[in-house]
């Protein structure tokens, strides 16, 4: 029974980590690339973009740390 539990736990942790990666990529790197290369004019000020980028990075980090904590429930 612990083998099934461990695999489900690893699947959940992987899913959380994937969500963290997507959030950081979409919320942090995409706006940065847009601003740096001037691909489009942002409809909001630079300070709001910076706040959004920091919030997305923090949320992604939180999801990643949650995934690591989830792995702590693996059974031997």
N, C-alpha and C. Protein backbone atom coordinates (compact mmCIF):
# COMPACT_ATOMS: atom_id res chain seq x y z
N UNK A 1 0.81 -1.20 0.00
CA UNK A 1 0.00 0.00 0.00
C UNK A 1 0.86 1.27 0.00
N UNK A 2 2.04 1.22 0.64
CA UNK A 2 2.87 2.42 0.69
C UNK A 2 3.46 2.76 -0.68
N UNK A 3 3.60 1.75 -1.55
CA UNK A 3 4.11 2.04 -2.89
C UNK A 3 3.13 2.92 -3.66
N UNK A 4 1.85 2.61 -3.58
CA UNK A 4 0.83 3.43 -4.25
C UNK A 4 0.80 4.83 -3.63
N UNK A 5 0.88 4.91 -2.31
CA UNK A 5 0.89 6.20 -1.63
C UNK A 5 2.07 7.04 -2.08
N UNK A 6 3.26 6.41 -2.15
CA UNK A 6 4.45 7.14 -2.56
C UNK A 6 4.35 7.66 -3.99
N UNK A 7 3.81 6.85 -4.89
CA UNK A 7 3.68 7.29 -6.28
C UNK A 7 2.67 8.43 -6.40
N UNK A 8 1.59 8.36 -5.66
CA UNK A 8 0.61 9.45 -5.68
C UNK A 8 1.20 10.72 -5.09
N UNK A 9 1.99 10.57 -4.05
CA UNK A 9 2.64 11.72 -3.43
C UNK A 9 3.62 12.37 -4.40
N UNK A 10 4.41 11.55 -5.10
CA UNK A 10 5.36 12.09 -6.07
C UNK A 10 4.64 12.76 -7.25
N UNK A 11 3.52 12.19 -7.66
CA UNK A 11 2.74 12.79 -8.75
C UNK A 11 2.19 14.15 -8.32
N UNK A 12 1.70 14.24 -7.11
CA UNK A 12 1.19 15.52 -6.60
C UNK A 12 2.31 16.56 -6.51
N UNK A 13 3.46 16.15 -6.01
CA UNK A 13 4.59 17.08 -5.91
C UNK A 13 5.05 17.54 -7.28
N UNK A 14 5.08 16.63 -8.24
CA UNK A 14 5.47 17.01 -9.60
C UNK A 14 4.48 17.98 -10.21
N UNK A 15 3.20 17.77 -9.97
CA UNK A 15 2.17 18.67 -10.49
C UNK A 15 2.33 20.06 -9.88
N UNK A 16 2.53 20.12 -8.56
CA UNK A 16 2.71 21.42 -7.91
C UNK A 16 3.95 22.14 -8.45
N UNK A 17 5.02 21.40 -8.65
CA UNK A 17 6.24 22.01 -9.16
C UNK A 17 6.07 22.50 -10.59
N UNK A 18 5.31 21.77 -11.40
CA UNK A 18 5.02 22.21 -12.76
C UNK A 18 4.20 23.49 -12.77
N UNK A 19 3.24 23.58 -11.86
CA UNK A 19 2.44 24.80 -11.74
C UNK A 19 3.33 25.98 -11.32
N UNK A 20 4.27 25.72 -10.43
CA UNK A 20 5.19 26.77 -9.99
C UNK A 20 6.04 27.26 -11.16
N UNK A 21 6.53 26.33 -11.96
CA UNK A 21 7.35 26.70 -13.12
C UNK A 21 6.55 27.54 -14.12
N UNK A 22 5.33 27.12 -14.38
CA UNK A 22 4.48 27.85 -15.33
C UNK A 22 4.17 29.26 -14.82
N UNK A 23 3.90 29.38 -13.53
CA UNK A 23 3.58 30.68 -12.95
C UNK A 23 4.77 31.62 -13.03
N UNK A 24 5.94 31.13 -12.72
CA UNK A 24 7.14 31.97 -12.79
C UNK A 24 7.44 32.36 -14.24
N UNK A 25 7.28 31.41 -15.16
CA UNK A 25 7.56 31.71 -16.56
C UNK A 25 6.58 32.75 -17.12
N UNK A 26 5.31 32.56 -16.84
CA UNK A 26 4.30 33.47 -17.40
C UNK A 26 4.24 34.80 -16.66
N UNK A 27 4.45 34.78 -15.37
CA UNK A 27 4.29 36.00 -14.58
C UNK A 27 5.56 36.79 -14.34
N UNK A 28 6.71 36.17 -14.54
CA UNK A 28 7.96 36.86 -14.28
C UNK A 28 8.77 37.06 -15.56
N UNK A 29 9.05 35.97 -16.26
CA UNK A 29 9.92 36.08 -17.43
C UNK A 29 9.22 36.73 -18.62
N UNK A 30 7.97 36.40 -18.86
CA UNK A 30 7.28 36.97 -20.03
C UNK A 30 7.16 38.49 -19.95
N UNK A 31 6.72 39.06 -18.82
CA UNK A 31 6.69 40.54 -18.77
C UNK A 31 8.08 41.17 -18.87
N UNK A 32 9.08 40.52 -18.29
CA UNK A 32 10.44 41.06 -18.36
C UNK A 32 10.94 41.10 -19.80
N UNK A 33 10.72 40.05 -20.54
CA UNK A 33 11.15 40.00 -21.94
C UNK A 33 10.40 41.05 -22.75
N UNK A 34 9.11 41.18 -22.48
CA UNK A 34 8.30 42.17 -23.20
C UNK A 34 8.81 43.58 -22.97
N UNK A 35 9.15 43.90 -21.74
CA UNK A 35 9.63 45.25 -21.42
C UNK A 35 11.04 45.47 -21.97
N UNK A 36 11.92 44.50 -21.78
CA UNK A 36 13.32 44.65 -22.21
C UNK A 36 13.43 44.82 -23.72
N UNK A 37 12.69 44.00 -24.46
CA UNK A 37 12.78 44.06 -25.93
C UNK A 37 11.75 44.97 -26.57
N UNK A 38 10.91 45.61 -25.76
CA UNK A 38 9.94 46.55 -26.29
C UNK A 38 8.94 45.92 -27.24
N UNK A 39 8.53 44.71 -26.97
CA UNK A 39 7.61 44.01 -27.87
C UNK A 39 6.21 44.59 -27.87
N UNK A 40 5.81 45.17 -26.75
CA UNK A 40 4.50 45.84 -26.71
C UNK A 40 4.53 46.88 -25.61
N UNK A 41 3.65 47.85 -25.74
CA UNK A 41 3.56 48.87 -24.71
C UNK A 41 2.64 48.36 -23.61
N UNK A 42 3.15 48.33 -22.37
CA UNK A 42 2.28 47.87 -21.28
C UNK A 42 1.18 48.89 -21.01
N UNK A 43 0.01 48.39 -20.68
CA UNK A 43 -1.11 49.27 -20.37
C UNK A 43 -1.06 49.82 -18.96
N UNK A 44 -0.12 49.31 -18.17
CA UNK A 44 0.03 49.76 -16.79
C UNK A 44 1.46 50.24 -16.59
N UNK A 45 1.69 50.92 -15.47
CA UNK A 45 3.00 51.46 -15.19
C UNK A 45 4.03 50.39 -14.85
N UNK A 46 5.28 50.78 -14.94
CA UNK A 46 6.39 49.85 -14.68
C UNK A 46 6.37 49.36 -13.24
N UNK A 47 5.96 50.19 -12.31
CA UNK A 47 5.94 49.77 -10.91
C UNK A 47 4.94 48.63 -10.71
N UNK A 48 3.81 48.69 -11.41
CA UNK A 48 2.82 47.63 -11.29
C UNK A 48 3.31 46.33 -11.93
N UNK A 49 4.04 46.46 -13.01
CA UNK A 49 4.63 45.27 -13.63
C UNK A 49 5.64 44.65 -12.69
N UNK A 50 6.45 45.47 -12.03
CA UNK A 50 7.42 44.96 -11.06
C UNK A 50 6.75 44.26 -9.89
N UNK A 51 5.66 44.84 -9.41
CA UNK A 51 4.92 44.21 -8.31
C UNK A 51 4.33 42.88 -8.76
N UNK A 52 3.77 42.85 -9.96
CA UNK A 52 3.21 41.61 -10.50
C UNK A 52 4.29 40.54 -10.65
N UNK A 53 5.45 40.94 -11.15
CA UNK A 53 6.54 39.98 -11.31
C UNK A 53 6.99 39.42 -9.97
N UNK A 54 7.11 40.27 -8.97
CA UNK A 54 7.52 39.81 -7.64
C UNK A 54 6.47 38.89 -7.03
N UNK A 55 5.19 39.24 -7.21
CA UNK A 55 4.11 38.41 -6.66
C UNK A 55 4.08 37.04 -7.33
N UNK A 56 4.25 37.01 -8.64
CA UNK A 56 4.26 35.72 -9.34
C UNK A 56 5.46 34.88 -8.95
N UNK A 57 6.60 35.51 -8.78
CA UNK A 57 7.79 34.77 -8.36
C UNK A 57 7.60 34.22 -6.95
N UNK A 58 7.04 35.02 -6.06
CA UNK A 58 6.81 34.56 -4.68
C UNK A 58 5.79 33.43 -4.65
N UNK A 59 4.74 33.54 -5.44
CA UNK A 59 3.74 32.47 -5.49
C UNK A 59 4.33 31.19 -6.07
N UNK A 60 5.17 31.31 -7.10
CA UNK A 60 5.84 30.15 -7.67
C UNK A 60 6.78 29.50 -6.68
N UNK A 61 7.50 30.32 -5.93
CA UNK A 61 8.38 29.79 -4.90
C UNK A 61 7.57 29.07 -3.82
N UNK A 62 6.43 29.66 -3.45
CA UNK A 62 5.56 29.02 -2.46
C UNK A 62 5.05 27.67 -2.93
N UNK A 63 4.66 27.59 -4.20
CA UNK A 63 4.21 26.31 -4.74
C UNK A 63 5.34 25.29 -4.76
N UNK A 64 6.52 25.72 -5.12
CA UNK A 64 7.67 24.81 -5.15
C UNK A 64 7.98 24.29 -3.74
N UNK A 65 7.95 25.17 -2.76
CA UNK A 65 8.21 24.74 -1.38
C UNK A 65 7.11 23.81 -0.86
N UNK A 66 5.88 24.05 -1.30
CA UNK A 66 4.79 23.14 -0.95
C UNK A 66 5.03 21.76 -1.56
N UNK A 67 5.52 21.73 -2.79
CA UNK A 67 5.84 20.45 -3.43
C UNK A 67 6.93 19.72 -2.66
N UNK A 68 7.93 20.45 -2.21
CA UNK A 68 9.00 19.82 -1.43
C UNK A 68 8.47 19.28 -0.11
N UNK A 69 7.58 20.03 0.52
CA UNK A 69 6.99 19.58 1.78
C UNK A 69 6.11 18.35 1.55
N UNK A 70 5.45 18.30 0.41
CA UNK A 70 4.61 17.14 0.08
C UNK A 70 5.46 15.87 0.01
N UNK A 71 6.67 15.99 -0.50
CA UNK A 71 7.54 14.83 -0.59
C UNK A 71 7.97 14.32 0.78
N UNK A 72 7.81 15.16 1.79
CA UNK A 72 8.15 14.74 3.15
C UNK A 72 7.22 13.67 3.69
N UNK A 73 6.09 13.45 3.05
CA UNK A 73 5.14 12.43 3.53
C UNK A 73 5.35 11.07 2.87
N UNK A 74 6.48 10.91 2.15
CA UNK A 74 6.78 9.60 1.56
C UNK A 74 7.01 8.58 2.67
N UNK A 75 6.57 7.36 2.41
CA UNK A 75 6.73 6.27 3.38
C UNK A 75 7.84 5.34 2.94
N UNK A 76 8.50 4.74 3.91
CA UNK A 76 9.54 3.75 3.59
C UNK A 76 8.95 2.37 3.45
